[in-house]
Amino acid sequence: MFIRKNTTDLFHTSNEGAGFRKFPLILVLENVRSMHNVGSVFRTCDALGLTALYLIGYTPTPPHRDIQKTALGATETVTWKHFPEISDALADLRQNGYRILAAEQAHGATLLDAFQPVRGEKLAIVFGNEVEGVSDEVLTAADGCIEIPQFGEKHSFNISVAAGIIGWEVVKKMQIF
């Protein structure tokens, strides 16, 4: 029989908790339309202990009821910034020493299972619009692309699912260090 854990049984209960670790990974949402996707990515960033979430262009920002509905309070625990233009976000990331990767199906992309972060490297991963993907500006400026291997006919993940898959895999590989 299994008994559900309560908050005192968990690894930590807040950002101030003993042993809490922030991974040097920022997720970037470029012109994402869905508030539910944004809220879900906030929760993913909190659960994985990521440094921050950047919201770009017309990506919705907190506070909003529909973001809160899926974020379940993560908008209060995750550091986030909004940039009107992707160029401003990319400049901020470069200035702060981040390697920029695009999450995109692109020629020359590294498959996620083959991707290996460099020890001590700070990473930012850009996720694009639900229909159009990441912009050409991001593809031109990115240091590389990460692609999730897929086997179905649609070759498409919901953005919040893709952020969870990639975020988990990158954090898992960062823990090896």
N, C-alpha and C. Protein backbone atom coordinates (compact mmCIF):
# COMPACT_ATOMS: atom_id res chain seq x y z
N MET A 1 0.84 -1.18 0.00
CA MET A 1 0.00 0.00 0.00
C MET A 1 0.88 1.24 0.00
N PHE A 2 0.46 2.23 -0.76
CA PHE A 2 1.18 3.50 -0.82
C PHE A 2 0.41 4.55 -0.04
N ILE A 3 1.14 5.42 0.61
CA ILE A 3 0.53 6.54 1.34
C ILE A 3 1.08 7.82 0.73
N ARG A 4 0.18 8.72 0.37
CA ARG A 4 0.57 9.99 -0.24
C ARG A 4 1.50 10.77 0.67
N LYS A 5 2.54 11.37 0.09
CA LYS A 5 3.47 12.21 0.85
C LYS A 5 2.80 13.53 1.19
N ASN A 6 3.11 14.07 2.35
CA ASN A 6 2.67 15.43 2.65
C ASN A 6 3.88 16.36 2.49
N THR A 7 3.68 17.64 2.61
CA THR A 7 4.76 18.59 2.32
C THR A 7 5.97 18.42 3.22
N THR A 8 5.82 17.91 4.41
CA THR A 8 6.99 17.70 5.26
C THR A 8 7.83 16.52 4.80
N ASP A 9 7.26 15.64 3.99
CA ASP A 9 7.99 14.48 3.45
C ASP A 9 8.76 14.81 2.17
N LEU A 10 8.45 15.93 1.54
CA LEU A 10 9.05 16.26 0.26
C LEU A 10 10.44 16.84 0.43
N PHE A 11 11.20 16.86 -0.64
CA PHE A 11 12.58 17.34 -0.62
C PHE A 11 12.67 18.77 -0.10
N HIS A 12 11.77 19.62 -0.50
CA HIS A 12 11.71 20.99 -0.01
C HIS A 12 10.27 21.48 -0.13
N THR A 13 9.96 22.55 0.58
CA THR A 13 8.60 23.06 0.52
C THR A 13 8.53 24.49 0.00
N SER A 14 9.67 25.12 -0.23
CA SER A 14 9.65 26.48 -0.75
C SER A 14 11.00 26.79 -1.39
N ASN A 15 11.09 27.94 -2.04
CA ASN A 15 12.35 28.37 -2.64
C ASN A 15 13.43 28.59 -1.60
N GLU A 16 13.04 28.77 -0.36
CA GLU A 16 14.00 29.02 0.71
C GLU A 16 14.38 27.74 1.43
N GLY A 17 13.81 26.61 1.03
CA GLY A 17 14.03 25.35 1.73
C GLY A 17 15.46 24.86 1.67
N ALA A 18 15.87 24.17 2.70
CA ALA A 18 17.22 23.60 2.75
C ALA A 18 17.40 22.63 1.59
N GLY A 19 18.53 22.73 0.93
CA GLY A 19 18.83 21.81 -0.15
C GLY A 19 18.23 22.20 -1.50
N PHE A 20 17.47 23.28 -1.56
CA PHE A 20 16.88 23.69 -2.83
C PHE A 20 17.97 24.16 -3.77
N ARG A 21 17.88 23.75 -5.02
CA ARG A 21 18.90 24.04 -6.01
C ARG A 21 18.26 24.62 -7.26
N LYS A 22 18.82 25.69 -7.77
CA LYS A 22 18.38 26.25 -9.05
C LYS A 22 19.32 25.76 -10.13
N PHE A 23 18.76 25.22 -11.20
CA PHE A 23 19.57 24.79 -12.32
C PHE A 23 19.76 25.96 -13.28
N PRO A 24 20.94 26.08 -13.90
CA PRO A 24 21.23 27.21 -14.80
C PRO A 24 20.55 27.04 -16.16
N LEU A 25 19.23 27.03 -16.12
CA LEU A 25 18.42 26.83 -17.31
C LEU A 25 17.25 27.80 -17.30
N ILE A 26 17.10 28.54 -18.37
CA ILE A 26 15.97 29.46 -18.55
C ILE A 26 15.17 28.97 -19.75
N LEU A 27 13.85 28.85 -19.57
CA LEU A 27 12.97 28.55 -20.69
C LEU A 27 12.42 29.87 -21.21
N VAL A 28 12.31 29.97 -22.53
CA VAL A 28 11.86 31.19 -23.20
C VAL A 28 10.65 30.84 -24.05
N LEU A 29 9.53 31.53 -23.83
CA LEU A 29 8.32 31.31 -24.63
C LEU A 29 8.14 32.50 -25.57
N GLU A 30 8.29 32.24 -26.86
CA GLU A 30 8.20 33.29 -27.87
C GLU A 30 6.83 33.26 -28.55
N ASN A 31 6.04 34.29 -28.29
CA ASN A 31 4.72 34.45 -28.92
C ASN A 31 3.83 33.21 -28.77
N VAL A 32 3.79 32.69 -27.57
CA VAL A 32 2.89 31.58 -27.25
C VAL A 32 1.52 32.17 -26.95
N ARG A 33 0.48 31.63 -27.55
CA ARG A 33 -0.87 32.20 -27.41
C ARG A 33 -1.62 31.74 -26.18
N SER A 34 -1.50 30.49 -25.82
CA SER A 34 -2.36 29.89 -24.81
C SER A 34 -1.92 30.21 -23.38
N MET A 35 -2.85 30.78 -22.62
CA MET A 35 -2.58 31.06 -21.21
C MET A 35 -2.41 29.77 -20.42
N HIS A 36 -3.12 28.72 -20.83
CA HIS A 36 -2.97 27.43 -20.16
C HIS A 36 -1.57 26.85 -20.38
N ASN A 37 -1.04 27.01 -21.59
CA ASN A 37 0.34 26.57 -21.85
C ASN A 37 1.32 27.35 -20.99
N VAL A 38 1.13 28.66 -20.90
CA VAL A 38 2.02 29.50 -20.09
C VAL A 38 1.97 29.05 -18.63
N GLY A 39 0.78 28.85 -18.09
CA GLY A 39 0.65 28.39 -16.72
C GLY A 39 1.31 27.05 -16.49
N SER A 40 1.15 26.15 -17.44
CA SER A 40 1.78 24.83 -17.32
C SER A 40 3.30 24.92 -17.33
N VAL A 41 3.84 25.81 -18.16
CA VAL A 41 5.30 25.96 -18.20
C VAL A 41 5.80 26.60 -16.90
N PHE A 42 5.03 27.50 -16.30
CA PHE A 42 5.40 28.02 -14.98
C PHE A 42 5.54 26.86 -13.99
N ARG A 43 4.59 25.95 -13.99
CA ARG A 43 4.65 24.81 -13.07
C ARG A 43 5.85 23.93 -13.34
N THR A 44 6.16 23.72 -14.61
CA THR A 44 7.33 22.93 -14.98
C THR A 44 8.60 23.60 -14.47
N CYS A 45 8.72 24.91 -14.67
CA CYS A 45 9.90 25.64 -14.20
C CYS A 45 10.06 25.52 -12.69
N ASP A 46 8.95 25.60 -11.96
CA ASP A 46 9.00 25.46 -10.51
C ASP A 46 9.41 24.04 -10.13
N ALA A 47 8.77 23.05 -10.72
CA ALA A 47 9.03 21.66 -10.37
C ALA A 47 10.47 21.25 -10.64
N LEU A 48 11.05 21.79 -11.70
CA LEU A 48 12.42 21.43 -12.07
C LEU A 48 13.47 22.32 -11.44
N GLY A 49 13.06 23.39 -10.75
CA GLY A 49 14.01 24.28 -10.11
C GLY A 49 14.82 25.09 -11.11
N LEU A 50 14.16 25.61 -12.14
CA LEU A 50 14.86 26.37 -13.17
C LEU A 50 15.10 27.81 -12.73
N THR A 51 16.09 28.43 -13.33
CA THR A 51 16.47 29.80 -12.97
C THR A 51 15.36 30.80 -13.25
N ALA A 52 14.73 30.71 -14.43
CA ALA A 52 13.73 31.70 -14.80
C ALA A 52 12.93 31.25 -16.00
N LEU A 53 11.88 32.02 -16.28
CA LEU A 53 11.04 31.86 -17.46
C LEU A 53 10.93 33.22 -18.11
N TYR A 54 11.25 33.30 -19.40
CA TYR A 54 11.13 34.55 -20.15
C TYR A 54 9.90 34.45 -21.05
N LEU A 55 9.09 35.48 -21.03
CA LEU A 55 7.87 35.56 -21.83
C LEU A 55 8.06 36.66 -22.86
N ILE A 56 7.90 36.32 -24.14
CA ILE A 56 8.26 37.22 -25.22
C ILE A 56 7.06 37.59 -26.06
N GLY A 57 7.06 38.86 -26.52
CA GLY A 57 6.03 39.32 -27.45
C GLY A 57 4.64 39.28 -26.85
N TYR A 58 3.71 38.65 -27.58
CA TYR A 58 2.33 38.62 -27.10
C TYR A 58 2.02 37.43 -26.19
N THR A 59 3.06 36.73 -25.75
CA THR A 59 2.86 35.67 -24.76
C THR A 59 2.20 36.29 -23.54
N PRO A 60 1.09 35.73 -23.06
CA PRO A 60 0.40 36.30 -21.90
C PRO A 60 1.29 36.27 -20.65
N THR A 61 1.09 37.26 -19.79
CA THR A 61 1.86 37.36 -18.55
C THR A 61 0.92 37.38 -17.35
N PRO A 62 1.43 36.94 -16.19
CA PRO A 62 0.64 37.06 -14.97
C PRO A 62 0.46 38.53 -14.61
N PRO A 63 -0.48 38.88 -13.82
CA PRO A 63 -1.51 38.00 -13.27
C PRO A 63 -2.67 37.84 -14.24
N HIS A 64 -3.14 36.65 -14.38
CA HIS A 64 -4.34 36.38 -15.17
C HIS A 64 -4.95 35.08 -14.66
N ARG A 65 -6.24 35.06 -14.54
CA ARG A 65 -6.96 33.91 -14.00
C ARG A 65 -6.65 32.61 -14.75
N ASP A 66 -6.58 32.68 -16.08
CA ASP A 66 -6.35 31.46 -16.86
C ASP A 66 -4.91 30.95 -16.73
N ILE A 67 -3.95 31.85 -16.51
CA ILE A 67 -2.58 31.40 -16.24
C ILE A 67 -2.54 30.77 -14.85
N GLN A 68 -3.14 31.43 -13.88
CA GLN A 68 -3.15 30.94 -12.50
C GLN A 68 -3.81 29.57 -12.39
N LYS A 69 -4.81 29.34 -13.24
CA LYS A 69 -5.56 28.09 -13.19
C LYS A 69 -4.65 26.88 -13.38
N THR A 70 -3.67 26.98 -14.28
CA THR A 70 -2.76 25.86 -14.49
C THR A 70 -1.44 26.03 -13.74
N ALA A 71 -1.06 27.26 -13.42
CA ALA A 71 0.21 27.49 -12.71
C ALA A 71 0.12 27.08 -11.24
N LEU A 72 -1.05 27.13 -10.65
CA LEU A 72 -1.26 26.74 -9.26
C LEU A 72 -0.25 27.38 -8.31
N GLY A 73 -0.02 28.68 -8.49
CA GLY A 73 0.87 29.42 -7.59
C GLY A 73 2.30 29.52 -8.05
N ALA A 74 2.67 28.83 -9.12
CA ALA A 74 4.06 28.86 -9.58
C ALA A 74 4.49 30.22 -10.10
N THR A 75 3.54 31.09 -10.43
CA THR A 75 3.91 32.45 -10.86
C THR A 75 4.53 33.23 -9.69
N GLU A 76 4.32 32.74 -8.48
CA GLU A 76 4.89 33.38 -7.30
C GLU A 76 6.24 32.79 -6.92
N THR A 77 6.58 31.61 -7.43
CA THR A 77 7.83 30.94 -7.04
C THR A 77 8.87 30.93 -8.16
N VAL A 78 8.47 31.27 -9.38
CA VAL A 78 9.38 31.26 -10.52
C VAL A 78 9.71 32.69 -10.90
N THR A 79 10.99 32.99 -11.04
CA THR A 79 11.42 34.30 -11.54
C THR A 79 11.05 34.37 -13.01
N TRP A 80 10.39 35.46 -13.40
CA TRP A 80 10.02 35.61 -14.80
C TRP A 80 10.20 37.05 -15.25
N LYS A 81 10.42 37.20 -16.57
CA LYS A 81 10.57 38.52 -17.19
C LYS A 81 9.77 38.52 -18.48
N HIS A 82 9.28 39.69 -18.83
CA HIS A 82 8.62 39.87 -20.13
C HIS A 82 9.46 40.80 -20.99
N PHE A 83 9.64 40.42 -22.25
CA PHE A 83 10.33 41.26 -23.23
C PHE A 83 9.40 41.44 -24.42
N PRO A 84 9.17 42.68 -24.85
CA PRO A 84 8.31 42.90 -26.02
C PRO A 84 8.87 42.27 -27.30
N GLU A 85 10.19 42.24 -27.42
CA GLU A 85 10.84 41.73 -28.64
C GLU A 85 11.81 40.61 -28.29
N ILE A 86 11.89 39.61 -29.15
CA ILE A 86 12.81 38.50 -28.93
C ILE A 86 14.25 38.99 -28.94
N SER A 87 14.55 39.99 -29.74
CA SER A 87 15.93 40.50 -29.80
C SER A 87 16.39 41.01 -28.44
N ASP A 88 15.49 41.63 -27.68
CA ASP A 88 15.84 42.12 -26.34
C ASP A 88 16.13 40.95 -25.39
N ALA A 89 15.35 39.91 -25.48
CA ALA A 89 15.56 38.73 -24.63
C ALA A 89 16.87 38.04 -24.98
N LEU A 90 17.14 37.89 -26.28
CA LEU A 90 18.38 37.25 -26.71
C LEU A 90 19.59 38.06 -26.24
N ALA A 91 19.50 39.38 -26.33
CA ALA A 91 20.60 40.24 -25.86
C ALA A 91 20.81 40.08 -24.36
N ASP A 92 19.72 40.03 -23.60
CA ASP A 92 19.81 39.85 -22.15
C ASP A 92 20.48 38.51 -21.83
N LEU A 93 20.07 37.46 -22.51
CA LEU A 93 20.64 36.14 -22.27
C LEU A 93 22.13 36.12 -22.60
N ARG A 94 22.51 36.69 -23.74
CA ARG A 94 23.93 36.73 -24.14
C ARG A 94 24.75 37.51 -23.11
N GLN A 95 24.21 38.66 -22.70
CA GLN A 95 24.91 39.50 -21.73
C GLN A 95 25.14 38.76 -20.41
N ASN A 96 24.24 37.84 -20.08
CA ASN A 96 24.35 37.08 -18.83
C ASN A 96 25.01 35.71 -19.01
N GLY A 97 25.62 35.50 -20.18
CA GLY A 97 26.44 34.31 -20.40
C GLY A 97 25.69 33.03 -20.73
N TYR A 98 24.49 33.14 -21.29
CA TYR A 98 23.71 31.95 -21.63
C TYR A 98 23.97 31.50 -23.05
N ARG A 99 24.07 30.19 -23.24
CA ARG A 99 24.07 29.58 -24.56
C ARG A 99 22.61 29.41 -24.95
N ILE A 100 22.25 29.82 -26.16
CA ILE A 100 20.86 29.84 -26.59
C ILE A 100 20.59 28.70 -27.57
N LEU A 101 19.57 27.91 -27.23
CA LEU A 101 19.16 26.80 -28.08
C LEU A 101 17.69 26.98 -28.46
N ALA A 102 17.33 26.56 -29.64
CA ALA A 102 15.94 26.59 -30.08
C ALA A 102 15.38 25.17 -29.99
N ALA A 103 14.17 25.04 -29.49
CA ALA A 103 13.47 23.76 -29.50
C ALA A 103 12.69 23.72 -30.81
N GLU A 104 13.23 23.03 -31.78
CA GLU A 104 12.64 23.09 -33.13
C GLU A 104 13.07 21.88 -33.94
N GLN A 105 12.19 21.44 -34.82
CA GLN A 105 12.53 20.41 -35.80
C GLN A 105 13.22 21.13 -36.94
N ALA A 106 14.54 20.97 -37.01
CA ALA A 106 15.33 21.71 -38.00
C ALA A 106 16.47 20.83 -38.50
N HIS A 107 16.88 21.07 -39.74
CA HIS A 107 18.04 20.36 -40.28
C HIS A 107 19.24 20.68 -39.40
N GLY A 108 19.97 19.66 -39.01
CA GLY A 108 21.16 19.85 -38.18
C GLY A 108 20.87 19.91 -36.69
N ALA A 109 19.60 19.77 -36.29
CA ALA A 109 19.25 19.79 -34.87
C ALA A 109 19.84 18.57 -34.18
N THR A 110 20.16 18.74 -32.90
CA THR A 110 20.62 17.63 -32.07
C THR A 110 19.41 16.96 -31.46
N LEU A 111 19.31 15.64 -31.62
CA LEU A 111 18.21 14.93 -30.98
C LEU A 111 18.40 15.00 -29.47
N LEU A 112 17.30 15.17 -28.76
CA LEU A 112 17.34 15.40 -27.32
C LEU A 112 18.11 14.31 -26.58
N ASP A 113 17.94 13.05 -26.97
CA ASP A 113 18.63 11.98 -26.25
C ASP A 113 20.15 12.04 -26.46
N ALA A 114 20.61 12.68 -27.54
CA ALA A 114 22.04 12.82 -27.80
C ALA A 114 22.62 14.13 -27.23
N PHE A 115 21.76 15.04 -26.84
CA PHE A 115 22.24 16.33 -26.33
C PHE A 115 22.93 16.16 -24.98
N GLN A 116 24.08 16.81 -24.83
CA GLN A 116 24.80 16.77 -23.56
C GLN A 116 25.22 18.19 -23.18
N PRO A 117 24.69 18.73 -22.08
CA PRO A 117 25.13 20.06 -21.66
C PRO A 117 26.59 20.02 -21.23
N VAL A 118 27.24 21.16 -21.32
CA VAL A 118 28.63 21.30 -20.91
C VAL A 118 28.64 21.69 -19.43
N ARG A 119 29.51 21.08 -18.68
CA ARG A 119 29.61 21.35 -17.24
C ARG A 119 29.77 22.85 -16.98
N GLY A 120 28.93 23.38 -16.10
CA GLY A 120 28.98 24.80 -15.72
C GLY A 120 28.34 25.76 -16.71
N GLU A 121 27.85 25.25 -17.81
CA GLU A 121 27.26 26.09 -18.84
C GLU A 121 25.85 26.51 -18.46
N LYS A 122 25.52 27.76 -18.74
CA LYS A 122 24.16 28.26 -18.54
C LYS A 122 23.44 28.15 -19.88
N LEU A 123 22.23 27.58 -19.85
CA LEU A 123 21.47 27.35 -21.08
C LEU A 123 20.14 28.08 -21.06
N ALA A 124 19.72 28.54 -22.24
CA ALA A 124 18.38 29.06 -22.46
C ALA A 124 17.81 28.32 -23.65
N ILE A 125 16.57 27.86 -23.50
CA ILE A 125 15.92 27.12 -24.59
C ILE A 125 14.67 27.87 -24.99
N VAL A 126 14.58 28.21 -26.27
CA VAL A 126 13.46 28.99 -26.80
C VAL A 126 12.43 28.05 -27.41
N PHE A 127 11.19 28.21 -26.97
CA PHE A 127 10.04 27.49 -27.52
C PHE A 127 9.19 28.51 -28.26
N GLY A 128 8.74 28.17 -29.46
CA GLY A 128 8.03 29.12 -30.28
C GLY A 128 6.52 28.97 -30.22
N ASN A 129 5.89 29.77 -31.05
CA ASN A 129 4.44 29.80 -31.20
C ASN A 129 3.89 28.40 -31.50
N GLU A 130 2.69 28.14 -31.01
CA GLU A 130 2.07 26.82 -31.15
C GLU A 130 1.92 26.36 -32.60
N VAL A 131 1.78 27.28 -33.53
CA VAL A 131 1.59 26.93 -34.94
C VAL A 131 2.85 27.16 -35.76
N GLU A 132 3.50 28.29 -35.56
CA GLU A 132 4.64 28.70 -36.39
C GLU A 132 5.99 28.22 -35.88
N GLY A 133 6.08 27.81 -34.62
CA GLY A 133 7.37 27.43 -34.05
C GLY A 133 8.19 28.66 -33.68
N VAL A 134 9.50 28.48 -33.53
CA VAL A 134 10.36 29.62 -33.20
C VAL A 134 10.55 30.47 -34.45
N SER A 135 10.81 31.73 -34.24
CA SER A 135 10.97 32.67 -35.36
C SER A 135 12.29 32.43 -36.09
N ASP A 136 12.36 32.93 -37.32
CA ASP A 136 13.61 32.87 -38.09
C ASP A 136 14.71 33.63 -37.36
N GLU A 137 14.34 34.69 -36.65
CA GLU A 137 15.33 35.47 -35.89
C GLU A 137 16.02 34.58 -34.84
N VAL A 138 15.24 33.76 -34.16
CA VAL A 138 15.80 32.84 -33.16
C VAL A 138 16.66 31.79 -33.84
N LEU A 139 16.16 31.20 -34.94
CA LEU A 139 16.94 30.17 -35.64
C LEU A 139 18.28 30.72 -36.12
N THR A 140 18.31 31.98 -36.53
CA THR A 140 19.55 32.60 -36.99
C THR A 140 20.50 32.87 -35.82
N ALA A 141 19.96 33.30 -34.69
CA ALA A 141 20.78 33.69 -33.55
C ALA A 141 21.17 32.52 -32.64
N ALA A 142 20.44 31.43 -32.69
CA ALA A 142 20.66 30.32 -31.76
C ALA A 142 22.01 29.65 -31.99
N ASP A 143 22.55 29.13 -30.89
CA ASP A 143 23.80 28.38 -30.95
C ASP A 143 23.56 26.94 -31.38
N GLY A 144 22.31 26.53 -31.41
CA GLY A 144 21.96 25.19 -31.83
C GLY A 144 20.48 24.95 -31.67
N CYS A 145 20.03 23.78 -32.11
CA CYS A 145 18.63 23.38 -31.98
C CYS A 145 18.57 22.01 -31.30
N ILE A 146 17.54 21.84 -30.49
CA ILE A 146 17.26 20.56 -29.87
C ILE A 146 15.93 20.07 -30.44
N GLU A 147 15.90 18.80 -30.81
CA GLU A 147 14.68 18.22 -31.36
C GLU A 147 14.32 16.98 -30.56
N ILE A 148 13.04 16.85 -30.21
CA ILE A 148 12.55 15.66 -29.51
C ILE A 148 12.24 14.60 -30.56
N PRO A 149 12.87 13.42 -30.46
CA PRO A 149 12.53 12.36 -31.41
C PRO A 149 11.03 12.01 -31.28
N GLN A 150 10.37 11.86 -32.42
CA GLN A 150 8.94 11.56 -32.42
C GLN A 150 8.65 10.46 -33.43
N PHE A 151 7.60 9.69 -33.16
CA PHE A 151 7.33 8.51 -33.97
C PHE A 151 5.94 8.50 -34.59
N GLY A 152 5.07 9.42 -34.19
CA GLY A 152 3.72 9.46 -34.72
C GLY A 152 3.64 10.18 -36.04
N GLU A 153 2.46 10.26 -36.56
CA GLU A 153 2.24 10.90 -37.86
C GLU A 153 2.22 12.42 -37.78
N LYS A 154 1.82 12.98 -36.66
CA LYS A 154 1.67 14.44 -36.54
C LYS A 154 3.00 15.14 -36.26
N HIS A 155 3.96 14.45 -35.68
CA HIS A 155 5.27 15.04 -35.36
C HIS A 155 5.13 16.36 -34.63
N SER A 156 4.31 16.35 -33.58
CA SER A 156 4.05 17.59 -32.87
C SER A 156 3.68 17.31 -31.42
N PHE A 157 4.32 18.03 -30.50
CA PHE A 157 3.94 18.01 -29.09
C PHE A 157 3.32 19.35 -28.74
N ASN A 158 2.40 19.37 -27.80
CA ASN A 158 1.94 20.62 -27.23
C ASN A 158 3.15 21.30 -26.60
N ILE A 159 3.20 22.62 -26.66
CA ILE A 159 4.37 23.34 -26.16
C ILE A 159 4.65 23.09 -24.69
N SER A 160 3.60 22.96 -23.88
CA SER A 160 3.86 22.71 -22.46
C SER A 160 4.41 21.30 -22.24
N VAL A 161 4.01 20.36 -23.07
CA VAL A 161 4.55 19.00 -22.99
C VAL A 161 6.01 19.01 -23.45
N ALA A 162 6.29 19.68 -24.56
CA ALA A 162 7.66 19.77 -25.07
C ALA A 162 8.58 20.42 -24.04
N ALA A 163 8.11 21.48 -23.39
CA ALA A 163 8.92 22.16 -22.36
C ALA A 163 9.20 21.21 -21.20
N GLY A 164 8.23 20.41 -20.82
CA GLY A 164 8.43 19.45 -19.74
C GLY A 164 9.42 18.36 -20.12
N ILE A 165 9.29 17.83 -21.32
CA ILE A 165 10.19 16.76 -21.77
C ILE A 165 11.62 17.28 -21.85
N ILE A 166 11.81 18.40 -22.54
CA ILE A 166 13.16 18.94 -22.71
C ILE A 166 13.72 19.42 -21.38
N GLY A 167 12.91 20.14 -20.61
CA GLY A 167 13.37 20.62 -19.30
C GLY A 167 13.84 19.48 -18.42
N TRP A 168 13.04 18.43 -18.32
CA TRP A 168 13.41 17.28 -17.48
C TRP A 168 14.70 16.63 -17.96
N GLU A 169 14.81 16.40 -19.26
CA GLU A 169 15.99 15.73 -19.80
C GLU A 169 17.26 16.56 -19.58
N VAL A 170 17.18 17.86 -19.78
CA VAL A 170 18.35 18.72 -19.59
C VAL A 170 18.74 18.77 -18.11
N VAL A 171 17.78 18.95 -17.23
CA VAL A 171 18.06 18.98 -15.79
C VAL A 171 18.65 17.63 -15.34
N LYS A 172 18.09 16.55 -15.83
CA LYS A 172 18.61 15.22 -15.48
C LYS A 172 20.08 15.10 -15.87
N LYS A 173 20.42 15.59 -17.06
CA LYS A 173 21.81 15.51 -17.52
C LYS A 173 22.69 16.50 -16.75
N MET A 174 22.16 17.63 -16.33
CA MET A 174 22.95 18.58 -15.53
C MET A 174 23.28 17.99 -14.15
N GLN A 175 22.43 17.13 -13.63
CA GLN A 175 22.66 16.53 -12.31
C GLN A 175 23.81 15.53 -12.31
N ILE A 176 24.18 15.05 -13.46
CA ILE A 176 25.28 14.09 -13.55
C ILE A 176 26.58 14.73 -13.07
N PHE A 177 26.68 16.03 -13.25
CA PHE A 177 27.90 16.73 -12.84
C PHE A 177 27.96 16.72 -11.35
